[in-house]
Amino acid sequence: MDPLIAASMIFTLILVVLIGGFIVLFPVTRRLGKALEVYLDQKRNDAPDARETERMRAAVGSLQREVRRLSEKQEFVERLLQKREAEELGPGQDDVAEG
């Protein structure tokens, strides 16, 4: 077989495969691109907006203040209880109660 004929057959075969692949894959890639655009649009819409973020920050700040107040109250009550226990035991009885 003549090498020139074999080369032209190979070139024709490659050309047919490329054109066929383009015809088959072009609609698939367009469909995939549209699906990705829809997915990204949904992701953007699901993201919290600035108002929601600010509202959440305010709520977290409020919770932090409330926890701080409760902690201070708890410490105050614990100091009162320690003082009361010390008064009930009397002087010199701290060592006996601990041992």
Foldseek 3Di string as FASTA:
>chain_A
DDPVVVVVVVVVVVVVVVVVCCVVCVVVVVVVVVVVVVVVVVVVVPDDDPVVVVVVVVVVVVVVVVVVVVVVVVVVVVVVVVVVVDVVCDPPCPVVVVD
